């Protein structure tokens, strides 16, 4: 299975598939080149501030991902797409629409962390996980280095009937239920590529 890792306005794709190159892509065949070369390509990708997508052709995507992880501070997080009465819950944070999520604490598994983070960030209760959604990956500056974060996503139902309260200490300004029309006209116009991926597999389909 392919893995796409977002960084600013570009991405890194790990794939076993043949790719037809375009002008805005750098394709690196990891089976033909040394570790030094792909690591150098990765460093260039970070330093160029994401002006060109980077594609790693891999014999084994999961195996290469394990090698890629060693170049970053690796962080695991979990979050949820919460639904109730044909509406979905979104938060507004740092001038973007987002989904509630956060780092997995020691001793937690991803589903436990996803429910806890949603409860904390939205003051919501009555959460039940319906199914696991595809995970997302992104790179960002972290304590003078760069972190590679995986976020495990879950589709959840909620029976909550009370007020939703944004966790302001986490820079959350609003928590709102949105129907599909609002998601298409408001959220999609101002969100992250990883959130668009979650929407595409769980709301658009």
Foldseek 3Di string as FASTA:
>chain_A
DKAWAAFVPEIEIEEQDDDDDDPQEDEAEPVVDDPVVVVVVVVVCVVVRNRGYYYYNDPDRVVVVVVVQVQAAEFEKEAEFEDDPQWTKWWQFPNAIHTFMDTDDPPDDRVVRHVVRNCQFWVFDAKDFDAWDDKHWYWDDDPNTIYIYIYTYTYIYHPGDDHTDGPCVRRTDDMDIGHPVCCVVPRVVGHDPVVVVVCVVPPVD
